[in-house]
PDB file of N, CA and C in Angstrom:
ATOM      1  N   MET A   1    -185.213 -79.186 -66.716  1.00  0.00           N
ATOM      2  CA  MET A   1    -183.944 -78.762 -66.173  1.00  0.00           C
ATOM      3  C   MET A   1    -183.074 -79.992 -65.960  1.00  0.00           C
ATOM      4  N   ALA A   2    -181.793 -79.862 -66.298  1.00  0.00           N
ATOM      5  CA  ALA A   2    -180.840 -80.954 -66.091  1.00  0.00           C
ATOM      6  C   ALA A   2    -180.520 -81.050 -64.609  1.00  0.00           C
ATOM      7  N   THR A   3    -180.503 -82.249 -64.091  1.00  0.00           N
ATOM      8  CA  THR A   3    -180.173 -82.447 -62.686  1.00  0.00           C
ATOM      9  C   THR A   3    -179.202 -83.613 -62.552  1.00  0.00           C
ATOM     10  N   THR A   4    -178.559 -83.680 -61.403  1.00  0.00           N
ATOM     11  CA  THR A   4    -177.714 -84.820 -61.071  1.00  0.00           C
ATOM     12  C   THR A   4    -178.191 -85.372 -59.743  1.00  0.00           C
ATOM     13  N   ASP A   5    -177.747 -86.571 -59.426  1.00  0.00           N
ATOM     14  CA  ASP A   5    -178.110 -87.188 -58.157  1.00  0.00           C
ATOM     15  C   ASP A   5    -177.148 -86.798 -57.037  1.00  0.00           C
ATOM     16  N   THR A   6    -176.100 -86.052 -57.373  1.00  0.00           N
ATOM     17  CA  THR A   6    -175.088 -85.684 -56.394  1.00  0.00           C
ATOM     18  C   THR A   6    -175.382 -84.304 -55.823  1.00  0.00           C
ATOM     19  N   PRO A   7    -175.528 -84.190 -54.495  1.00  0.00           N
ATOM     20  CA  PRO A   7    -175.744 -82.873 -53.903  1.00  0.00           C
ATOM     21  C   PRO A   7    -174.497 -82.009 -54.069  1.00  0.00           C
ATOM     22  N   ALA A   8    -174.680 -80.755 -54.437  1.00  0.00           N
ATOM     23  CA  ALA A   8    -173.556 -79.860 -54.716  1.00  0.00           C
ATOM     24  C   ALA A   8    -172.879 -79.338 -53.452  1.00  0.00           C
ATOM     25  N   ALA A   9    -173.626 -79.052 -52.423  1.00  0.00           N
ATOM     26  CA  ALA A   9    -173.054 -78.414 -51.239  1.00  0.00           C
ATOM     27  C   ALA A   9    -171.904 -79.206 -50.615  1.00  0.00           C
ATOM     28  N   PRO A  10    -172.033 -80.518 -50.400  1.00  0.00           N
ATOM     29  CA  PRO A  10    -170.902 -81.236 -49.810  1.00  0.00           C
ATOM     30  C   PRO A  10    -169.664 -81.199 -50.698  1.00  0.00           C
ATOM     31  N   LEU A  11    -169.833 -81.254 -52.004  1.00  0.00           N
ATOM     32  CA  LEU A  11    -168.697 -81.224 -52.916  1.00  0.00           C
ATOM     33  C   LEU A  11    -168.053 -79.847 -52.958  1.00  0.00           C
ATOM     34  N   ALA A  12    -168.867 -78.817 -52.875  1.00  0.00           N
ATOM     35  CA  ALA A  12    -168.362 -77.446 -52.980  1.00  0.00           C
ATOM     36  C   ALA A  12    -167.496 -77.053 -51.797  1.00  0.00           C
ATOM     37  N   THR A  13    -167.630 -77.743 -50.690  1.00  0.00           N
ATOM     38  CA  THR A  13    -166.878 -77.373 -49.496  1.00  0.00           C
ATOM     39  C   THR A  13    -165.739 -78.332 -49.176  1.00  0.00           C
ATOM     40  N   LEU A  14    -165.482 -79.311 -50.037  1.00  0.00           N
ATOM     41  CA  LEU A  14    -164.371 -80.235 -49.816  1.00  0.00           C
ATOM     42  C   LEU A  14    -163.044 -79.555 -50.127  1.00  0.00           C
ATOM     43  N   PRO A  15    -162.095 -79.569 -49.206  1.00  0.00           N
ATOM     44  CA  PRO A  15    -160.780 -79.002 -49.512  1.00  0.00           C
ATOM     45  C   PRO A  15    -160.152 -79.783 -50.665  1.00  0.00           C
ATOM     46  N   GLY A  16    -159.626 -79.066 -51.653  1.00  0.00           N
ATOM     47  CA  GLY A  16    -158.959 -79.717 -52.772  1.00  0.00           C
ATOM     48  C   GLY A  16    -159.884 -80.349 -53.794  1.00  0.00           C
ATOM     49  N   ALA A  17    -161.182 -80.110 -53.705  1.00  0.00           N
ATOM     50  CA  ALA A  17    -162.127 -80.738 -54.639  1.00  0.00           C
ATOM     51  C   ALA A  17    -161.942 -80.219 -56.059  1.00  0.00           C
ATOM     52  N   LEU A  18    -161.509 -78.964 -56.208  1.00  0.00           N
ATOM     53  CA  LEU A  18    -161.282 -78.386 -57.527  1.00  0.00           C
ATOM     54  C   LEU A  18    -159.806 -78.091 -57.722  1.00  0.00           C
ATOM     55  N   ASP A  19    -159.313 -78.314 -58.937  1.00  0.00           N
ATOM     56  CA  ASP A  19    -157.966 -77.902 -59.297  1.00  0.00           C
ATOM     57  C   ASP A  19    -158.053 -76.414 -59.613  1.00  0.00           C
ATOM     58  N   LEU A  20    -157.558 -75.584 -58.720  1.00  0.00           N
ATOM     59  CA  LEU A  20    -157.712 -74.139 -58.846  1.00  0.00           C
ATOM     60  C   LEU A  20    -156.835 -73.540 -59.933  1.00  0.00           C
ATOM     61  N   ASP A  21    -155.934 -74.320 -60.504  1.00  0.00           N
ATOM     62  CA  ASP A  21    -155.045 -73.833 -61.551  1.00  0.00           C
ATOM     63  C   ASP A  21    -155.548 -74.150 -62.952  1.00  0.00           C
ATOM     64  N   ARG A  22    -156.732 -74.746 -63.056  1.00  0.00           N
ATOM     65  CA  ARG A  22    -157.263 -75.153 -64.356  1.00  0.00           C
ATOM     66  C   ARG A  22    -158.668 -74.610 -64.569  1.00  0.00           C
ATOM     67  N   LEU A  23    -159.052 -74.520 -65.833  1.00  0.00           N
ATOM     68  CA  LEU A  23    -160.423 -74.188 -66.191  1.00  0.00           C
ATOM     69  C   LEU A  23    -161.292 -75.367 -65.757  1.00  0.00           C
ATOM     70  N   THR A  24    -162.348 -75.097 -64.992  1.00  0.00           N
ATOM     71  CA  THR A  24    -163.144 -76.166 -64.402  1.00  0.00           C
ATOM     72  C   THR A  24    -164.634 -75.886 -64.556  1.00  0.00           C
ATOM     73  N   VAL A  25    -165.379 -76.887 -65.027  1.00  0.00           N
ATOM     74  CA  VAL A  25    -166.836 -76.783 -65.077  1.00  0.00           C
ATOM     75  C   VAL A  25    -167.348 -77.191 -63.705  1.00  0.00           C
ATOM     76  N   ILE A  26    -167.995 -76.264 -63.009  1.00  0.00           N
ATOM     77  CA  ILE A  26    -168.458 -76.557 -61.650  1.00  0.00           C
ATOM     78  C   ILE A  26    -169.959 -76.771 -61.566  1.00  0.00           C
ATOM     79  N   GLY A  27    -170.666 -76.567 -62.680  1.00  0.00           N
ATOM     80  CA  GLY A  27    -172.100 -76.820 -62.672  1.00  0.00           C
ATOM     81  C   GLY A  27    -172.709 -76.676 -64.052  1.00  0.00           C
ATOM     82  N   VAL A  28    -173.806 -77.383 -64.270  1.00  0.00           N
ATOM     83  CA  VAL A  28    -174.583 -77.300 -65.511  1.00  0.00           C
ATOM     84  C   VAL A  28    -176.046 -77.190 -65.105  1.00  0.00           C
ATOM     85  N   ALA A  29    -176.759 -76.251 -65.722  1.00  0.00           N
ATOM     86  CA  ALA A  29    -178.169 -76.054 -65.379  1.00  0.00           C
ATOM     87  C   ALA A  29    -178.937 -75.581 -66.597  1.00  0.00           C
ATOM     88  N   GLY A  30    -180.247 -75.754 -66.542  1.00  0.00           N
ATOM     89  CA  GLY A  30    -181.113 -75.258 -67.596  1.00  0.00           C
ATOM     90  C   GLY A  30    -181.968 -76.350 -68.194  1.00  0.00           C
ATOM     91  N   ALA A  31    -182.827 -75.933 -69.088  1.00  0.00           N
ATOM     92  CA  ALA A  31    -183.712 -76.870 -69.780  1.00  0.00           C
ATOM     93  C   ALA A  31    -182.953 -77.547 -70.915  1.00  0.00           C
ATOM     94  N   PRO A  32    -183.347 -78.772 -71.272  1.00  0.00           N
ATOM     95  CA  PRO A  32    -182.712 -79.425 -72.420  1.00  0.00           C
ATOM     96  C   PRO A  32    -182.776 -78.494 -73.635  1.00  0.00           C
ATOM     97  N   GLY A  33    -181.653 -78.390 -74.334  1.00  0.00           N
ATOM     98  CA  GLY A  33    -181.585 -77.506 -75.479  1.00  0.00           C
ATOM     99  C   GLY A  33    -181.212 -76.073 -75.131  1.00  0.00           C
ATOM    100  N   ALA A  34    -181.158 -75.755 -73.846  1.00  0.00           N
ATOM    101  CA  ALA A  34    -180.801 -74.405 -73.397  1.00  0.00           C
ATOM    102  C   ALA A  34    -179.935 -74.472 -72.142  1.00  0.00           C
ATOM    103  N   LEU A  35    -179.012 -75.433 -72.116  1.00  0.00           N
ATOM    104  CA  LEU A  35    -178.161 -75.599 -70.939  1.00  0.00           C
ATOM    105  C   LEU A  35    -177.123 -74.491 -70.844  1.00  0.00           C
ATOM    106  N   ARG A  36    -176.764 -74.163 -69.624  1.00  0.00           N
ATOM    107  CA  ARG A  36    -175.708 -73.207 -69.309  1.00  0.00           C
ATOM    108  C   ARG A  36    -174.731 -73.911 -68.382  1.00  0.00           C
ATOM    109  N   ALA A  37    -173.483 -73.472 -68.424  1.00  0.00           N
ATOM    110  CA  ALA A  37    -172.478 -74.051 -67.531  1.00  0.00           C
ATOM    111  C   ALA A  37    -171.854 -72.955 -66.687  1.00  0.00           C
ATOM    112  N   LEU A  38    -171.557 -73.297 -65.446  1.00  0.00           N
ATOM    113  CA  LEU A  38    -170.832 -72.420 -64.544  1.00  0.00           C
ATOM    114  C   LEU A  38    -169.376 -72.885 -64.595  1.00  0.00           C
ATOM    115  N   VAL A  39    -168.494 -71.980 -65.033  1.00  0.00           N
ATOM    116  CA  VAL A  39    -167.094 -72.326 -65.260  1.00  0.00           C
ATOM    117  C   VAL A  39    -166.207 -71.454 -64.390  1.00  0.00           C
ATOM    118  N   ARG A  40    -165.236 -72.088 -63.719  1.00  0.00           N
ATOM    119  CA  ARG A  40    -164.254 -71.339 -62.924  1.00  0.00           C
ATOM    120  C   ARG A  40    -162.962 -71.272 -63.715  1.00  0.00           C
ATOM    121  N   GLU A  41    -162.490 -70.044 -63.945  1.00  0.00           N
ATOM    122  CA  GLU A  41    -161.238 -69.841 -64.665  1.00  0.00           C
ATOM    123  C   GLU A  41    -160.061 -69.949 -63.700  1.00  0.00           C
ATOM    124  N   PRO A  42    -158.849 -70.219 -64.217  1.00  0.00           N
ATOM    125  CA  PRO A  42    -157.692 -70.402 -63.336  1.00  0.00           C
ATOM    126  C   PRO A  42    -157.403 -69.235 -62.399  1.00  0.00           C
ATOM    127  N   ARG A  43    -157.748 -68.022 -62.776  1.00  0.00           N
ATOM    128  CA  ARG A  43    -157.496 -66.865 -61.906  1.00  0.00           C
ATOM    129  C   ARG A  43    -158.624 -66.619 -60.911  1.00  0.00           C
ATOM    130  N   GLY A  44    -159.628 -67.506 -60.894  1.00  0.00           N
ATOM    131  CA  GLY A  44    -160.688 -67.405 -59.899  1.00  0.00           C
ATOM    132  C   GLY A  44    -161.998 -66.832 -60.383  1.00  0.00           C
ATOM    133  N   ARG A  45    -162.025 -66.260 -61.576  1.00  0.00           N
ATOM    134  CA  ARG A  45    -163.274 -65.706 -62.110  1.00  0.00           C
ATOM    135  C   ARG A  45    -164.238 -66.835 -62.423  1.00  0.00           C
ATOM    136  N   VAL A  46    -165.498 -66.679 -62.026  1.00  0.00           N
ATOM    137  CA  VAL A  46    -166.541 -67.660 -62.316  1.00  0.00           C
ATOM    138  C   VAL A  46    -167.489 -67.038 -63.325  1.00  0.00           C
ATOM    139  N   ARG A  47    -167.754 -67.767 -64.405  1.00  0.00           N
ATOM    140  CA  ARG A  47    -168.605 -67.267 -65.488  1.00  0.00           C
ATOM    141  C   ARG A  47    -169.684 -68.285 -65.818  1.00  0.00           C
ATOM    142  N   THR A  48    -170.789 -67.774 -66.333  1.00  0.00           N
ATOM    143  CA  THR A  48    -171.825 -68.630 -66.911  1.00  0.00           C
ATOM    144  C   THR A  48    -171.627 -68.584 -68.422  1.00  0.00           C
ATOM    145  N   VAL A  49    -171.543 -69.758 -69.058  1.00  0.00           N
ATOM    146  CA  VAL A  49    -171.313 -69.811 -70.504  1.00  0.00           C
ATOM    147  C   VAL A  49    -172.384 -70.634 -71.200  1.00  0.00           C
ATOM    148  N   THR A  50    -172.605 -70.299 -72.468  1.00  0.00           N
ATOM    149  CA  THR A  50    -173.513 -71.032 -73.339  1.00  0.00           C
ATOM    150  C   THR A  50    -172.810 -71.209 -74.683  1.00  0.00           C
ATOM    151  N   ALA A  51    -173.439 -71.952 -75.590  1.00  0.00           N
ATOM    152  CA  ALA A  51    -172.878 -72.162 -76.915  1.00  0.00           C
ATOM    153  C   ALA A  51    -172.559 -70.824 -77.570  1.00  0.00           C
ATOM    154  N   GLY A  52    -171.375 -70.745 -78.179  1.00  0.00           N
ATOM    155  CA  GLY A  52    -170.941 -69.534 -78.860  1.00  0.00           C
ATOM    156  C   GLY A  52    -170.008 -68.665 -78.035  1.00  0.00           C
ATOM    157  N   ASP A  53    -170.014 -68.827 -76.707  1.00  0.00           N
ATOM    158  CA  ASP A  53    -169.118 -68.042 -75.858  1.00  0.00           C
ATOM    159  C   ASP A  53    -167.676 -68.506 -76.064  1.00  0.00           C
ATOM    160  N   ARG A  54    -166.740 -67.618 -75.738  1.00  0.00           N
ATOM    161  CA  ARG A  54    -165.327 -67.952 -75.869  1.00  0.00           C
ATOM    162  C   ARG A  54    -164.702 -68.143 -74.495  1.00  0.00           C
ATOM    163  N   LEU A  55    -163.880 -69.177 -74.411  1.00  0.00           N
ATOM    164  CA  LEU A  55    -163.068 -69.441 -73.233  1.00  0.00           C
ATOM    165  C   LEU A  55    -161.618 -69.488 -73.709  1.00  0.00           C
ATOM    166  N   ARG A  56    -160.689 -69.474 -72.796  1.00  0.00           N
ATOM    167  CA  ARG A  56    -159.266 -69.453 -73.152  1.00  0.00           C
ATOM    168  C   ARG A  56    -158.882 -70.553 -74.149  1.00  0.00           C
ATOM    169  N   PRO A  57    -159.342 -71.795 -73.994  1.00  0.00           N
ATOM    170  CA  PRO A  57    -158.922 -72.800 -74.986  1.00  0.00           C
ATOM    171  C   PRO A  57    -159.682 -72.749 -76.312  1.00  0.00           C
ATOM    172  N   GLY A  58    -160.809 -72.048 -76.399  1.00  0.00           N
ATOM    173  CA  GLY A  58    -161.555 -72.012 -77.650  1.00  0.00           C
ATOM    174  C   GLY A  58    -163.000 -71.596 -77.456  1.00  0.00           C
ATOM    175  N   ARG A  59    -163.802 -71.814 -78.501  1.00  0.00           N
ATOM    176  CA  ARG A  59    -165.217 -71.425 -78.493  1.00  0.00           C
ATOM    177  C   ARG A  59    -166.068 -72.578 -77.959  1.00  0.00           C
ATOM    178  N   VAL A  60    -167.076 -72.242 -77.153  1.00  0.00           N
ATOM    179  CA  VAL A  60    -168.003 -73.241 -76.629  1.00  0.00           C
ATOM    180  C   VAL A  60    -168.924 -73.688 -77.761  1.00  0.00           C
ATOM    181  N   LEU A  61    -168.872 -74.968 -78.108  1.00  0.00           N
ATOM    182  CA  LEU A  61    -169.753 -75.527 -79.133  1.00  0.00           C
ATOM    183  C   LEU A  61    -171.118 -75.845 -78.550  1.00  0.00           C
ATOM    184  N   ARG A  62    -171.114 -76.456 -77.366  1.00  0.00           N
ATOM    185  CA  ARG A  62    -172.373 -76.802 -76.712  1.00  0.00           C
ATOM    186  C   ARG A  62    -172.111 -77.121 -75.244  1.00  0.00           C
ATOM    187  N   VAL A  63    -173.174 -77.025 -74.474  1.00  0.00           N
ATOM    188  CA  VAL A  63    -173.146 -77.424 -73.066  1.00  0.00           C
ATOM    189  C   VAL A  63    -173.993 -78.679 -72.957  1.00  0.00           C
ATOM    190  N   GLU A  64    -173.421 -79.709 -72.355  1.00  0.00           N
ATOM    191  CA  GLU A  64    -174.094 -80.991 -72.147  1.00  0.00           C
ATOM    192  C   GLU A  64    -174.206 -81.258 -70.652  1.00  0.00           C
ATOM    193  N   PRO A  65    -175.068 -82.171 -70.246  1.00  0.00           N
ATOM    194  CA  PRO A  65    -175.145 -82.494 -68.812  1.00  0.00           C
ATOM    195  C   PRO A  65    -173.812 -82.961 -68.235  1.00  0.00           C
ATOM    196  N   ARG A  66    -172.945 -83.519 -69.067  1.00  0.00           N
ATOM    197  CA  ARG A  66    -171.658 -84.042 -68.576  1.00  0.00           C
ATOM    198  C   ARG A  66    -170.523 -83.030 -68.646  1.00  0.00           C
ATOM    199  N   GLY A  67    -170.770 -81.840 -69.243  1.00  0.00           N
ATOM    200  CA  GLY A  67    -169.729 -80.822 -69.314  1.00  0.00           C
ATOM    201  C   GLY A  67    -169.902 -79.890 -70.498  1.00  0.00           C
ATOM    202  N   VAL A  68    -168.788 -79.252 -70.894  1.00  0.00           N
ATOM    203  CA  VAL A  68    -168.781 -78.264 -71.964  1.00  0.00           C
ATOM    204  C   VAL A  68    -167.907 -78.777 -73.105  1.00  0.00           C
ATOM    205  N   VAL A  69    -168.437 -78.741 -74.330  1.00  0.00           N
ATOM    206  CA  VAL A  69    -167.656 -79.131 -75.503  1.00  0.00           C
ATOM    207  C   VAL A  69    -167.098 -77.852 -76.115  1.00  0.00           C
ATOM    208  N   ILE A  70    -165.766 -77.817 -76.243  1.00  0.00           N
ATOM    209  CA  ILE A  70    -165.056 -76.637 -76.726  1.00  0.00           C
ATOM    210  C   ILE A  70    -164.371 -76.966 -78.044  1.00  0.00           C
ATOM    211  N   GLU A  71    -164.448 -76.045 -79.002  1.00  0.00           N
ATOM    212  CA  GLU A  71    -163.720 -76.187 -80.262  1.00  0.00           C
ATOM    213  C   GLU A  71    -162.308 -75.672 -80.039  1.00  0.00           C
ATOM    214  N   THR A  72    -161.331 -76.569 -80.120  1.00  0.00           N
ATOM    215  CA  THR A  72    -159.925 -76.199 -79.953  1.00  0.00           C
ATOM    216  C   THR A  72    -159.215 -76.338 -81.296  1.00  0.00           C
ATOM    217  N   ARG A  73    -157.966 -75.980 -81.348  1.00  0.00           N
ATOM    218  CA  ARG A  73    -157.169 -76.138 -82.578  1.00  0.00           C
ATOM    219  C   ARG A  73    -157.088 -77.600 -82.998  1.00  0.00           C
ATOM    220  N   GLN A  74    -157.155 -78.494 -82.045  1.00  0.00           N
ATOM    221  CA  GLN A  74    -157.078 -79.925 -82.324  1.00  0.00           C
ATOM    222  C   GLN A  74    -158.448 -80.541 -82.617  1.00  0.00           C
ATOM    223  N   GLY A  75    -159.503 -79.759 -82.518  1.00  0.00           N
ATOM    224  CA  GLY A  75    -160.864 -80.257 -82.736  1.00  0.00           C
ATOM    225  C   GLY A  75    -161.676 -80.163 -81.461  1.00  0.00           C
ATOM    226  N   PRO A  76    -162.909 -80.687 -81.474  1.00  0.00           N
ATOM    227  CA  PRO A  76    -163.760 -80.608 -80.286  1.00  0.00           C
ATOM    228  C   PRO A  76    -163.162 -81.370 -79.096  1.00  0.00           C
ATOM    229  N   ALA A  77    -163.297 -80.779 -77.921  1.00  0.00           N
ATOM    230  CA  ALA A  77    -162.808 -81.416 -76.699  1.00  0.00           C
ATOM    231  C   ALA A  77    -163.830 -81.186 -75.583  1.00  0.00           C
ATOM    232  N   LEU A  78    -164.041 -82.221 -74.795  1.00  0.00           N
ATOM    233  CA  LEU A  78    -164.956 -82.134 -73.661  1.00  0.00           C
ATOM    234  C   LEU A  78    -164.207 -81.662 -72.430  1.00  0.00           C
ATOM    235  N   LEU A  79    -164.715 -80.599 -71.828  1.00  0.00           N
ATOM    236  CA  LEU A  79    -164.256 -80.158 -70.522  1.00  0.00           C
ATOM    237  C   LEU A  79    -165.309 -80.706 -69.550  1.00  0.00           C
ATOM    238  N   PRO A  80    -164.978 -81.795 -68.841  1.00  0.00           N
ATOM    239  CA  PRO A  80    -166.012 -82.470 -68.043  1.00  0.00           C
ATOM    240  C   PRO A  80    -166.408 -81.703 -66.789  1.00  0.00           C
ATOM    241  N   LEU A  81    -167.615 -81.984 -66.343  1.00  0.00           N
ATOM    242  CA  LEU A  81    -168.111 -81.470 -65.079  1.00  0.00           C
ATOM    243  C   LEU A  81    -167.204 -81.984 -63.969  1.00  0.00           C
ATOM    244  N   ALA A  82    -166.780 -81.101 -63.079  1.00  0.00           N
ATOM    245  CA  ALA A  82    -165.879 -81.492 -61.984  1.00  0.00           C
ATOM    246  C   ALA A  82    -166.520 -82.549 -61.113  1.00  0.00           C
ATOM    247  N   ALA A  83    -165.698 -83.484 -60.692  1.00  0.00           N
ATOM    248  CA  ALA A  83    -166.145 -84.545 -59.786  1.00  0.00           C
ATOM    249  C   ALA A  83    -165.136 -84.641 -58.646  1.00  0.00           C
ATOM    250  N   PRO A  84    -165.579 -85.014 -57.476  1.00  0.00           N
ATOM    251  CA  PRO A  84    -164.649 -85.120 -56.356  1.00  0.00           C
ATOM    252  C   PRO A  84    -163.633 -86.212 -56.583  1.00  0.00           C
ATOM    253  N   GLY A  85    -162.474 -86.021 -55.983  1.00  0.00           N
ATOM    254  CA  GLY A  85    -161.474 -87.072 -56.023  1.00  0.00           C
ATOM    255  C   GLY A  85    -160.471 -86.833 -57.055  1.00  0.00           C
TER     256      GLY A  85
END
């Protein structure tokens, strides 16, 4: 399972920690080769996504420990895991 050294609970409760108007990766979990991402959409819906799923900017190519790679019209783009600050 992919893990980080940063505890999630303190970050999840920080005021302003997430840009609520943007698509945001709020977590990545799973075994290597089978990662899933928890994504918050701008309207507040939270979804679990894997490779092949569609999001507003494009199709999910893969989920990495550092975020979600999406195929956009301009080519692959990384939607990084949210970080405080």
